[in-house]
C-alpha atoms as a PDB file:
ATOM      1  CA  MET A   1      13.538  -7.804 -20.624  1.00  0.00           C
ATOM      2  CA  LYS A   2      11.129  -6.029 -18.295  1.00  0.00           C
ATOM      3  CA  LEU A   3       7.658  -7.403 -17.628  1.00  0.00           C
ATOM      4  CA  PRO A   4       4.921  -5.747 -15.594  1.00  0.00           C
ATOM      5  CA  LEU A   5       3.726  -7.787 -12.609  1.00  0.00           C
ATOM      6  CA  GLU A   6       0.533  -6.979 -10.704  1.00  0.00           C
ATOM      7  CA  ILE A   7      -0.694  -8.789  -7.617  1.00  0.00           C
ATOM      8  CA  GLU A   8      -4.294  -8.254  -6.549  1.00  0.00           C
ATOM      9  CA  THR A   9      -4.771  -8.746  -2.820  1.00  0.00           C
ATOM     10  CA  PRO A  10      -6.449  -7.098   0.163  1.00  0.00           C
ATOM     11  CA  ASN A  11      -3.181  -7.678   2.037  1.00  0.00           C
ATOM     12  CA  ILE A  12      -1.048  -4.650   1.103  1.00  0.00           C
ATOM     13  CA  ARG A  13       1.535  -5.861   3.622  1.00  0.00           C
ATOM     14  CA  LEU A  14       2.588  -8.310   0.876  1.00  0.00           C
ATOM     15  CA  GLY A  15       4.469  -5.468  -0.842  1.00  0.00           C
ATOM     16  CA  PHE A  16       6.670  -5.098   2.255  1.00  0.00           C
ATOM     17  CA  ASP A  17       7.308  -8.828   2.288  1.00  0.00           C
ATOM     18  CA  ILE A  18       8.398  -8.840  -1.343  1.00  0.00           C
ATOM     19  CA  VAL A  19      10.568  -5.702  -1.593  1.00  0.00           C
ATOM     20  CA  GLY A  20      10.390  -3.873   1.731  1.00  0.00           C
ATOM     21  CA  LYS A  21      13.684  -2.912   3.317  1.00  0.00           C
ATOM     22  CA  ASP A  22      14.254  -1.711   6.869  1.00  0.00           C
ATOM     23  CA  GLY A  23      10.510  -1.538   7.564  1.00  0.00           C
ATOM     24  CA  SER A  24       9.794   0.803   4.675  1.00  0.00           C
ATOM     25  CA  LEU A  25       8.400   0.460   1.184  1.00  0.00           C
ATOM     26  CA  SER A  26       8.815   3.094  -1.475  1.00  0.00           C
ATOM     27  CA  SER A  27       8.384   3.309  -5.205  1.00  0.00           C
ATOM     28  CA  GLY A  28      11.568   2.294  -6.948  1.00  0.00           C
ATOM     29  CA  ALA A  29      12.625  -0.203  -4.252  1.00  0.00           C
ATOM     30  CA  ILE A  30      14.525  -3.074  -5.875  1.00  0.00           C
ATOM     31  CA  VAL A  31      15.130  -6.611  -4.659  1.00  0.00           C
ATOM     32  CA  GLU A  32      17.059  -9.519  -6.108  1.00  0.00           C
ATOM     33  CA  ALA A  33      14.823 -12.611  -6.244  1.00  0.00           C
ATOM     34  CA  PRO A  34      15.916 -16.224  -6.725  1.00  0.00           C
ATOM     35  CA  GLY A  35      16.640 -17.367 -10.243  1.00  0.00           C
ATOM     36  CA  GLY A  36      18.464 -14.193 -11.314  1.00  0.00           C
ATOM     37  CA  VAL A  37      15.359 -11.972 -11.358  1.00  0.00           C
ATOM     38  CA  THR A  38      15.217  -8.352 -10.192  1.00  0.00           C
ATOM     39  CA  ILE A  39      11.905  -6.913  -8.970  1.00  0.00           C
ATOM     40  CA  THR A  40      11.204  -3.178  -8.744  1.00  0.00           C
ATOM     41  CA  TYR A  41       8.220  -1.923  -6.745  1.00  0.00           C
ATOM     42  CA  GLN A  42       6.199   0.628  -8.729  1.00  0.00           C
ATOM     43  CA  GLY A  43       3.417   1.425  -6.268  1.00  0.00           C
ATOM     44  CA  THR A  44       0.041   0.289  -5.012  1.00  0.00           C
ATOM     45  CA  ILE A  45      -3.382   1.109  -6.394  1.00  0.00           C
ATOM     46  CA  GLU A  46      -5.787   1.194  -3.475  1.00  0.00           C
ATOM     47  CA  ARG A  47      -9.459   1.258  -4.296  1.00  0.00           C
ATOM     48  CA  ARG A  48     -12.011   2.402  -1.742  1.00  0.00           C
ATOM     49  CA  GLY A  49     -14.856   0.115  -0.818  1.00  0.00           C
ATOM     50  CA  PHE A  50     -15.688  -2.928   1.202  1.00  0.00           C
ATOM     51  CA  ASP A  51     -13.628  -5.982   0.314  1.00  0.00           C
ATOM     52  CA  ILE A  52     -12.029  -4.450  -2.802  1.00  0.00           C
ATOM     53  CA  PRO A  53      -8.435  -5.643  -3.115  1.00  0.00           C
ATOM     54  CA  ALA A  54      -5.452  -3.403  -3.771  1.00  0.00           C
ATOM     55  CA  ILE A  55      -3.166  -3.921  -6.758  1.00  0.00           C
ATOM     56  CA  LEU A  56       0.551  -4.103  -6.011  1.00  0.00           C
ATOM     57  CA  GLN A  57       2.552  -3.106  -9.090  1.00  0.00           C
ATOM     58  CA  PHE A  58       6.066  -4.318  -9.883  1.00  0.00           C
ATOM     59  CA  ILE A  59       8.453  -4.555 -12.818  1.00  0.00           C
ATOM     60  CA  VAL A  60      10.170  -7.920 -13.204  1.00  0.00           C
ATOM     61  CA  ASP A  61      13.527  -7.719 -14.961  1.00  0.00           C
ATOM     62  CA  VAL A  62      14.223 -11.087 -16.548  1.00  0.00           C
ATOM     63  CA  SER A  63      16.625 -12.441 -19.118  1.00  0.00           C
ATOM     64  CA  VAL A  64      16.841 -15.648 -21.094  1.00  0.00           C
ATOM     65  CA  THR A  65      19.461 -16.971 -18.669  1.00  0.00           C
ATOM     66  CA  ILE A  66      17.283 -16.881 -15.562  1.00  0.00           C
ATOM     67  CA  GLU A  67      15.943 -19.939 -13.787  1.00  0.00           C
ATOM     68  CA  LEU A  68      12.182 -19.425 -14.041  1.00  0.00           C
ATOM     69  CA  SER A  69      11.342 -22.382 -11.792  1.00  0.00           C
ATOM     70  CA  LEU A  70      13.211 -20.828  -8.856  1.00  0.00           C
ATOM     71  CA  PHE A  71      11.536 -17.454  -9.307  1.00  0.00           C
ATOM     72  CA  ALA A  72       8.066 -18.986  -9.802  1.00  0.00           C
ATOM     73  CA  ALA A  73       8.420 -21.053  -6.623  1.00  0.00           C
ATOM     74  CA  TRP A  74       9.644 -17.985  -4.695  1.00  0.00           C
ATOM     75  CA  LEU A  75       6.754 -15.806  -5.895  1.00  0.00           C
ATOM     76  CA  TYR A  76       4.262 -18.563  -5.133  1.00  0.00           C
ATOM     77  CA  ASP A  77       5.659 -18.925  -1.601  1.00  0.00           C
ATOM     78  CA  LYS A  78       5.310 -15.162  -1.059  1.00  0.00           C
ATOM     79  CA  THR A  79       1.672 -15.138  -2.211  1.00  0.00           C
ATOM     80  CA  LYS A  80       0.211 -18.545  -1.291  1.00  0.00           C
ATOM     81  CA  SER A  81      -1.279 -17.679   2.105  1.00  0.00           C
ATOM     82  CA  ARG A  82      -1.970 -13.996   1.426  1.00  0.00           C
ATOM     83  CA  ASN A  83      -5.482 -14.070  -0.050  1.00  0.00           C
ATOM     84  CA  VAL A  84      -4.189 -13.177  -3.532  1.00  0.00           C
ATOM     85  CA  SER A  85      -7.077 -13.241  -6.006  1.00  0.00           C
ATOM     86  CA  LYS A  86      -4.970 -12.952  -9.162  1.00  0.00           C
ATOM     87  CA  ILE A  87      -1.529 -12.254 -10.542  1.00  0.00           C
ATOM     88  CA  ARG A  88      -1.039 -10.483 -13.847  1.00  0.00           C
ATOM     89  CA  ILE A  89       2.240 -10.883 -15.728  1.00  0.00           C
ATOM     90  CA  GLY A  90       2.468  -8.820 -18.880  1.00  0.00           C
ATOM     91  CA  ARG A  91      -0.886  -9.283 -20.599  1.00  0.00           C
ATOM     92  CA  LYS A  92      -1.819 -12.599 -18.978  1.00  0.00           C
ATOM     93  CA  THR A  93      -3.823 -13.093 -15.800  1.00  0.00           C
ATOM     94  CA  ILE A  94      -3.347 -16.049 -13.461  1.00  0.00           C
ATOM     95  CA  ARG A  95      -6.359 -16.880 -11.306  1.00  0.00           C
ATOM     96  CA  GLU A  96      -5.351 -20.417 -10.312  1.00  0.00           C
ATOM     97  CA  ILE A  97      -2.043 -19.527  -8.703  1.00  0.00           C
ATOM     98  CA  THR A  98       0.538 -22.316  -8.733  1.00  0.00           C
ATOM     99  CA  PRO A  99       4.298 -22.326  -9.323  1.00  0.00           C
ATOM    100  CA  GLN A 100       3.693 -24.093 -12.643  1.00  0.00           C
ATOM    101  CA  LYS A 101       1.181 -21.454 -13.824  1.00  0.00           C
ATOM    102  CA  ILE A 102       3.520 -18.624 -12.847  1.00  0.00           C
ATOM    103  CA  LYS A 103       6.418 -20.256 -14.729  1.00  0.00           C
ATOM    104  CA  GLN A 104       4.260 -20.997 -17.771  1.00  0.00           C
ATOM    105  CA  THR A 105       2.966 -17.419 -17.895  1.00  0.00           C
ATOM    106  CA  LEU A 106       6.475 -15.986 -17.611  1.00  0.00           C
ATOM    107  CA  GLU A 107       7.659 -18.217 -20.448  1.00  0.00           C
ATOM    108  CA  GLU A 108       4.729 -17.218 -22.662  1.00  0.00           C
ATOM    109  CA  GLU A 109       5.204 -13.525 -21.989  1.00  0.00           C
ATOM    110  CA  MET A 110       8.956 -13.714 -22.618  1.00  0.00           C
ATOM    111  CA  GLU A 111       8.266 -15.380 -25.993  1.00  0.00           C
ATOM    112  CA  MET A 112       5.925 -12.545 -26.962  1.00  0.00           C
ATOM    113  CA  TYR A 113       8.660  -9.951 -26.360  1.00  0.00           C
ATOM    114  CA  GLU A 114      11.451 -11.798 -28.183  1.00  0.00           C
END
């Protein structure tokens, strides 16, 4: 099952930290994340203007056998000190970013696609 993942942040360097390899980041870059999840970088939407965050776009490939707690904790660790204003998974937006909220949102979105 593939779910869209968007991270809104002024820190576009976060994309490198999530899926960057050898100092480069390109659309289609794939990384294996904890919990049996694969993340594919789709690109970044950069909007012009003072203090307007960019949107990093990914596809999260999940299955029913993954360990959502591990992935949620990993994603939270990647974003916690990066001035992330919101994370969108599927159709749901997380504004209060915690490992529990990320896990809960993943579970809810996976149920919708079953």
